[in-house]
Protein backbone atom coordinates (compact mmCIF):
# COMPACT_ATOMS: atom_id res chain seq x y z
CA MET A 1 125.41 190.26 137.55
CA PRO A 2 128.96 190.58 138.75
CA ASN A 3 129.59 189.30 142.24
CA ALA A 4 131.65 191.21 144.81
CA THR A 5 133.50 190.26 147.97
CA TRP A 6 131.15 188.68 150.53
CA LEU A 7 130.49 191.41 153.05
CA TYR A 8 127.46 189.86 154.88
CA ASP A 9 127.04 186.66 156.89
CA ASP A 10 124.32 185.47 154.58
CA PRO A 11 125.35 183.97 151.25
CA VAL A 12 122.02 184.92 149.63
CA LEU A 13 123.12 188.59 149.64
CA ARG A 14 125.58 189.76 147.01
CA PRO A 15 126.83 193.37 147.08
CA ILE A 16 126.61 195.09 143.65
CA HIS A 17 128.38 198.24 142.55
CA HIS A 18 126.57 199.63 139.55
CA PHE A 19 125.81 202.97 141.35
CA ASP A 20 129.06 203.31 143.23
CA GLY A 21 130.31 206.90 142.88
CA ALA A 22 127.31 207.99 140.78
CA ARG A 23 126.37 210.72 143.23
CA ASP A 24 129.94 211.93 143.89
CA HIS A 25 129.84 214.78 141.38
CA ALA A 26 129.75 218.27 142.82
CA ALA A 27 127.26 219.44 140.15
CA PRO A 28 123.73 218.14 140.76
CA GLY A 29 123.06 218.01 137.03
CA GLU A 30 126.07 215.69 136.56
CA ARG A 31 124.90 213.49 139.48
CA LEU A 32 121.53 213.12 137.79
CA ALA A 33 123.05 212.31 134.41
CA CYS A 34 125.33 209.75 135.88
CA VAL A 35 122.65 208.04 137.95
CA ARG A 36 120.25 208.02 134.89
CA ALA A 37 122.86 206.36 132.69
CA GLN A 38 123.81 203.74 135.34
CA ALA A 39 120.14 203.00 136.00
CA ARG A 40 119.62 202.03 132.32
CA ARG A 41 122.69 199.78 132.39
CA PHE A 42 121.49 198.14 135.56
CA ARG A 43 118.05 197.62 134.09
CA ASP A 44 119.44 195.83 131.04
CA GLU A 45 121.59 193.54 133.14
CA MET A 46 118.83 192.67 135.57
CA LEU A 47 116.34 191.94 132.77
CA ALA A 48 118.91 189.50 131.36
CA GLY A 49 118.75 187.52 134.57
CA GLN A 50 116.19 185.17 136.05
CA PRO A 51 112.75 186.39 137.23
CA VAL A 52 111.42 185.59 140.68
CA VAL A 53 109.48 182.44 141.43
CA TYR A 54 106.45 184.24 142.89
CA TYR A 55 105.18 187.82 143.37
CA ARG A 56 101.89 188.95 144.88
CA SER A 57 100.62 192.14 146.46
CA PHE A 58 97.79 192.46 149.00
CA ASP A 59 95.77 195.51 150.09
CA LEU A 60 96.16 196.09 153.85
CA ILE A 61 94.78 199.52 154.89
CA ARG A 62 93.71 202.84 153.44
CA VAL A 63 95.36 205.82 155.13
CA PRO A 64 94.61 209.53 154.84
CA TYR A 65 97.61 211.58 153.93
CA PRO A 66 97.96 215.37 153.39
CA THR A 67 97.79 216.40 149.76
CA ARG A 68 100.49 219.02 150.32
CA TYR A 69 102.95 216.22 151.14
CA ALA A 70 101.82 213.58 148.69
CA LEU A 71 101.93 215.85 145.60
CA ARG A 72 104.43 218.47 146.83
CA ASP A 73 103.54 221.96 145.37
CA ALA A 74 101.89 220.45 142.24
CA CYS A 75 98.25 219.68 142.90
CA THR A 76 95.67 222.49 142.62
CA VAL A 77 92.74 220.64 144.09
CA PRO A 78 91.79 222.13 147.48
CA THR A 79 91.01 218.76 149.05
CA PRO A 80 93.37 218.66 152.08
CA TYR A 81 93.86 214.86 152.03
CA ILE A 82 94.37 212.04 149.60
CA HIS A 83 94.11 208.33 150.32
CA ILE A 84 97.14 206.00 150.08
CA LEU A 85 96.59 202.29 149.98
CA ASN A 86 99.29 200.42 152.00
CA ARG A 87 100.16 197.05 150.56
CA LEU A 88 102.03 193.90 151.55
CA PHE A 89 104.16 192.13 148.89
CA ILE A 90 105.10 188.45 149.04
CA VAL A 91 108.12 187.56 146.87
CA GLN A 92 109.83 184.24 146.45
CA PHE A 93 113.16 183.91 144.64
CA GLN A 94 115.80 181.32 143.81
CA SER A 95 119.10 181.47 145.69
CA ILE A 96 122.20 179.49 146.36
CA ASP A 97 120.39 178.22 149.40
CA GLY A 98 117.12 177.25 147.71
CA ILE A 99 113.87 179.21 147.29
CA LYS A 100 113.60 182.10 149.83
CA THR A 101 110.56 184.08 150.87
CA LEU A 102 110.70 187.89 151.33
CA LEU A 103 107.96 190.03 152.76
CA ILE A 104 107.95 193.68 151.63
CA SER A 105 106.21 196.19 153.88
CA PRO A 106 104.46 193.89 156.35
CA SER A 107 102.65 196.48 158.49
CA ASP A 108 101.48 195.78 162.05
CA VAL A 109 98.48 198.08 161.61
CA GLY A 110 97.47 198.26 165.24
CA ALA A 111 100.89 199.08 166.60
CA ASN A 112 101.60 201.51 163.76
CA ARG A 113 98.65 203.68 164.85
CA GLU A 114 100.91 205.03 167.53
CA THR A 115 102.92 207.06 164.94
CA PRO A 116 102.51 210.60 166.28
CA PHE A 117 101.28 212.26 163.10
CA PHE A 118 98.56 209.68 162.41
CA LYS A 119 97.61 209.35 166.07
CA ARG A 120 96.96 213.15 166.24
CA LEU A 121 95.03 212.98 163.00
CA ALA A 122 92.87 210.19 164.23
CA GLU A 123 92.07 212.03 167.48
CA ARG A 124 91.21 215.12 165.48
CA PHE A 125 88.67 213.31 163.30
CA THR A 126 87.28 211.33 166.25
CA ARG A 127 86.41 214.62 168.00
CA PHE A 128 84.20 215.44 165.04
CA GLY A 129 82.43 212.04 165.22
CA VAL A 130 84.29 210.39 162.32
CA SER A 131 84.95 206.66 162.73
CA VAL A 132 88.60 206.25 161.95
CA GLU A 133 88.70 202.43 161.60
CA SER A 134 85.61 202.03 159.42
CA LEU A 135 85.52 205.35 157.49
CA LEU A 136 88.74 207.31 157.58
CA ALA A 137 91.32 204.48 157.58
CA PRO A 138 89.50 201.18 156.91
CA GLU A 139 91.57 198.06 157.42
CA LEU A 140 91.17 195.72 154.45
CA SER A 141 93.32 192.81 155.58
CA THR A 142 96.12 191.80 157.89
CA VAL A 143 99.54 190.32 157.24
CA GLU A 144 98.56 187.22 159.03
CA ASP A 145 95.41 186.75 156.92
CA CYS A 146 97.36 187.36 153.67
CA LEU A 147 99.91 184.66 154.49
CA ALA A 148 97.15 182.24 155.51
CA ARG A 149 95.29 182.91 152.25
CA VAL A 150 98.24 181.62 150.22
CA GLY A 151 99.22 178.88 152.62
CA LEU A 152 102.49 180.29 154.06
CA ARG A 153 103.36 179.73 157.70
CA PRO A 154 105.18 182.38 159.83
CA GLU A 155 108.25 180.15 159.89
CA ASP A 156 108.41 180.08 156.07
CA VAL A 157 109.37 183.78 155.97
CA ASP A 158 113.20 184.30 155.54
CA TYR A 159 113.40 188.09 155.18
CA ILE A 160 111.37 191.20 155.67
CA THR A 161 112.20 194.64 154.31
CA TYR A 162 110.68 198.12 154.04
CA ASP A 163 111.76 200.85 151.66
CA HIS A 164 111.97 203.05 154.80
CA LEU A 165 110.81 202.76 158.40
CA HIS A 166 108.14 205.51 158.66
CA THR A 167 105.22 204.34 160.80
CA GLN A 168 106.66 200.83 161.31
CA ASP A 169 106.62 198.98 164.58
CA LEU A 170 108.78 195.89 164.02
CA ARG A 171 108.72 194.30 167.49
CA ARG A 172 105.87 191.91 166.86
CA TRP A 173 107.42 190.46 163.68
CA LEU A 174 111.04 190.21 164.90
CA GLY A 175 110.49 189.79 168.64
CA THR A 176 112.15 191.25 171.73
CA GLU A 177 113.48 189.82 174.98
CA GLU A 178 109.91 190.01 176.37
CA ARG A 179 107.97 188.54 173.30
CA PRO A 180 108.70 185.89 170.73
CA ALA A 181 108.97 186.82 167.06
CA TYR A 182 105.93 186.13 164.98
CA PHE A 183 108.31 185.35 162.09
CA PRO A 184 110.80 183.14 163.97
CA ASN A 185 113.24 182.70 161.07
CA ALA A 186 112.98 186.11 159.46
CA ARG A 187 115.73 188.75 159.42
CA LEU A 188 115.23 192.45 158.57
CA LEU A 189 117.09 193.84 155.58
CA VAL A 190 117.58 197.57 156.15
CA MET A 191 120.06 200.20 155.08
CA ARG A 192 122.38 201.07 157.98
CA GLN A 193 121.58 204.81 157.64
CA GLU A 194 117.81 204.12 157.95
CA TRP A 195 118.33 201.99 161.10
CA VAL A 196 120.64 204.55 162.74
CA SER A 197 118.24 207.42 161.84
CA ALA A 198 115.23 205.64 163.28
CA ARG A 199 116.98 205.25 166.60
CA ALA A 200 118.19 208.84 166.99
CA LEU A 201 115.44 211.08 165.49
CA LEU A 202 115.25 214.86 165.23
CA PRO A 203 111.81 216.43 165.67
CA PRO A 204 111.11 216.78 161.90
CA GLN A 205 111.61 213.04 161.54
CA ALA A 206 110.11 211.84 164.81
CA ASP A 207 106.51 212.70 163.83
CA TRP A 208 106.62 209.94 161.25
CA TYR A 209 108.32 207.04 163.10
CA CYS A 210 106.47 204.77 165.49
CA PRO A 211 107.78 205.35 169.05
CA ASP A 212 110.06 202.57 170.16
CA GLY A 213 109.21 200.56 167.07
CA THR A 214 112.78 199.16 166.88
CA VAL A 215 113.60 198.91 170.55
CA GLY A 216 114.62 195.62 172.00
CA ILE A 217 114.92 193.68 168.72
CA PRO A 218 117.82 191.20 168.93
CA PRO A 219 120.79 192.32 166.83
CA GLU A 220 121.00 188.92 165.17
CA LYS A 221 117.60 189.59 163.54
CA ILE A 222 118.93 192.65 161.72
CA ILE A 223 121.11 192.78 158.57
CA LEU A 224 122.46 196.28 158.15
CA LEU A 225 123.21 197.10 154.56
CA ASP A 226 125.96 199.44 153.37
CA HIS A 227 125.64 198.61 149.69
CA ASP A 228 123.18 197.85 147.03
CA VAL A 229 122.56 194.13 147.08
CA MET A 230 121.12 191.31 145.04
CA LEU A 231 119.01 188.77 146.80
CA GLY A 232 119.51 185.50 144.96
CA GLU A 233 117.99 185.73 141.57
CA GLY A 234 115.54 188.45 140.55
CA VAL A 235 115.53 190.82 143.57
CA ALA A 236 117.68 193.87 144.26
CA LEU A 237 117.74 196.42 147.05
CA ILE A 238 119.01 199.75 145.69
CA ARG A 239 119.84 202.75 147.86
CA THR A 240 117.59 205.65 146.86
CA PRO A 241 117.93 208.32 149.59
CA GLY A 242 115.46 211.17 149.68
CA HIS A 243 112.13 210.48 151.32
CA THR A 244 114.30 209.39 154.23
CA GLU A 245 118.13 209.37 154.57
CA GLY A 246 118.27 205.57 154.43
CA ASN A 247 115.53 204.97 151.82
CA HIS A 248 115.99 202.06 149.52
CA SER A 249 113.97 200.69 146.61
CA ILE A 250 113.06 197.01 146.10
CA VAL A 251 113.47 195.92 142.39
CA VAL A 252 111.83 192.66 141.47
CA HIS A 253 112.07 190.91 138.13
CA THR A 254 108.60 189.64 137.02
CA PRO A 255 106.96 188.52 133.81
CA GLU A 256 105.90 192.20 133.36
CA GLY A 257 109.47 193.48 133.65
CA LEU A 258 111.10 195.15 136.65
CA LEU A 259 108.70 196.31 139.33
CA VAL A 260 110.24 198.98 141.65
CA THR A 261 108.80 199.66 145.08
CA SER A 262 109.42 202.67 147.38
CA GLU A 263 107.64 205.79 148.65
CA ASN A 264 109.83 208.53 147.16
CA GLY A 265 106.63 209.07 145.07
CA VAL A 266 103.06 208.12 145.95
CA GLY A 267 101.88 206.83 142.58
CA ALA A 268 102.25 206.55 138.88
CA ASP A 269 101.19 210.24 138.40
CA ALA A 270 104.14 211.34 140.58
CA TYR A 271 106.61 209.54 138.34
CA ALA A 272 105.08 210.73 135.01
CA PRO A 273 103.30 214.05 135.85
CA ARG A 274 103.43 215.14 132.23
CA HIS A 275 100.74 212.44 131.47
CA SER A 276 98.75 213.03 134.71
CA ARG A 277 95.10 214.12 134.67
CA ILE A 278 95.27 215.18 138.28
CA PRO A 279 94.56 218.96 138.25
CA GLY A 280 97.71 221.01 138.41
CA LEU A 281 100.41 218.43 137.72
CA GLN A 282 100.84 219.04 133.96
CA LYS A 283 100.98 222.83 134.57
CA TYR A 284 103.50 222.25 137.33
CA VAL A 285 105.91 220.39 135.12
CA ARG A 286 105.54 222.92 132.30
CA GLU A 287 106.25 225.87 134.58
CA THR A 288 109.04 224.31 136.63
CA GLY A 289 110.72 221.70 134.40
CA MET A 290 110.29 219.10 137.11
CA GLU A 291 110.24 215.51 135.79
CA VAL A 292 108.72 214.03 138.94
CA VAL A 293 106.62 215.19 141.95
CA LEU A 294 108.19 214.49 145.31
CA ASN A 295 106.42 212.79 148.28
CA GLY A 296 107.59 215.46 150.64
CA ASN A 297 106.50 215.14 154.26
CA THR A 298 109.94 215.45 155.74
CA LEU A 299 112.25 216.39 152.78
CA GLU A 300 115.26 214.93 154.50
CA ARG A 301 117.22 215.08 151.33
CA GLY A 302 115.22 216.85 148.54
CA LEU A 303 117.75 216.95 145.75
CA ASP A 304 118.65 213.31 146.39
CA GLN A 305 114.91 212.37 146.35
CA TYR A 306 114.52 213.99 142.95
CA ILE A 307 117.47 212.06 141.53
CA SER A 308 116.24 208.84 143.26
CA MET A 309 112.82 209.04 141.71
CA ILE A 310 114.35 209.32 138.20
CA GLN A 311 116.62 206.51 139.09
CA GLU A 312 113.65 204.34 140.11
CA ARG A 313 111.67 205.08 136.93
CA GLU A 314 114.70 204.46 134.67
CA ILE A 315 115.26 201.05 136.34
CA ALA A 316 111.58 200.23 136.09
CA GLY A 317 110.99 201.31 132.51
CA PRO A 318 107.57 201.86 131.00
CA ALA A 319 104.66 200.01 132.47
CA PRO A 320 103.35 197.30 130.03
CA ARG A 321 99.78 198.07 131.31
CA ASN A 322 100.12 201.72 130.39
CA PRO A 323 103.36 202.80 128.66
CA ASP A 324 102.73 206.50 129.48
CA PHE A 325 103.73 205.54 133.03
CA TYR A 326 106.51 203.69 134.74
CA ASN A 327 106.65 200.31 136.42
CA VAL A 328 107.08 201.89 139.86
CA VAL A 329 104.67 200.30 142.39
CA PRO A 330 104.73 202.34 145.61
CA SER A 331 104.39 200.48 148.93
CA SER A 332 101.51 202.94 149.62
CA GLU A 333 99.78 203.88 146.39
CA LEU A 334 97.64 206.93 145.74
CA THR A 335 94.03 205.74 145.22
CA ALA A 336 90.71 207.47 144.73
CA TYR A 337 88.39 207.59 147.73
CA TRP A 338 84.97 209.17 147.97
CA LEU A 339 85.68 210.91 151.26
CA PHE A 340 88.46 212.96 149.59
CA PRO A 341 86.94 214.13 146.21
CA GLY A 342 88.69 215.67 143.23
CA ILE A 343 91.87 213.62 143.15
CA VAL A 344 91.67 210.55 141.00
CA PRO A 345 94.93 208.88 139.88
CA THR A 346 95.34 208.56 136.14
CA PHE A 347 96.72 205.09 136.44
CA THR A 348 97.08 202.55 139.28
CA PHE A 349 98.55 199.08 139.47
CA GLY A 350 96.15 197.56 142.00
CA ALA A 351 96.76 194.02 143.30
CA LEU A 352 99.32 192.02 141.28
CA GLU A 353 100.16 188.26 141.10
CA PHE A 354 102.73 186.41 139.05
CA GLY A 355 104.17 182.88 139.17
CA GLN A 356 103.54 179.90 141.42
CA LEU A 357 103.92 179.98 145.20
CA HIS A 358 106.35 177.43 146.60
CA ARG A 359 105.26 175.85 149.94
CA ARG A 360 107.79 174.18 152.14
CA ALA A 361 107.11 170.79 153.65
CA ALA A 362 106.03 171.05 157.30
């Protein structure tokens, strides 16, 4: 892919310009058409490059999430909640500085429970005698356990990133003046708009961000991004505003094509509702003409989110495991759960693993 002027202090990051100006048109339809065309070109170029060394996802925790947000205006099942399964992704890629390790969506589950929306929800269920940890939001693994399972040490991690910062408390991973970083060598890759938003929230946003989750983190641990970037070979971070103002998508080149991760949509059904068996989704797209179903808890930028979801699925392309759907793997994926009946995803990715993990010498 074409290089650009170095704009960051890390030579592993290369700004790319495939989508520059694509959203500048006054007419929304023209913005969508331009983004769609550029996404297909970007896909072809990235597929011509080198895949990553290693890719693996791990199940961390199941989380209840309101159906009215997850499948905005589309689902007709009266079940008030669905379950989303939050995952950690470990990615290793080649770079000018050797093999690098990236963690996508490492969640500090205990600290993240302080997020106002989920804290109130847990208190509400607890009053009715429902065990939150074991029944409502069972924790399946931890970031620490996942790394130990594959033989990675905390100091082996070079970067962490999140498609957006909803619910995330980063202080344990990156450290503060009062506490050392669990990942001593890691730096956070985040869009500047997302970082600024998370530190000056309005009430509609604040319900979904962990209080003080970014406070006290040393500036040198943060890389603020103003552009789409390539990370070495096989990984790209692409700006996809919508679910939040500073949302970005992580694109990873694997043996099964390009896997795209974000939470603009909650699952495969949201990106291909015309093929969904979830009640209401097919009717919704027939009646409205919608191509996708938004994950709409805050709707910070609704039109942008619609365009971003189409951008994501055009970059991803059809899923080899089920070509009716797209290779978009949400960081928190809609899954079936007995406690919330009636909503079963038509297709899910589950845990994935490709390649051979590289372990650094101690």
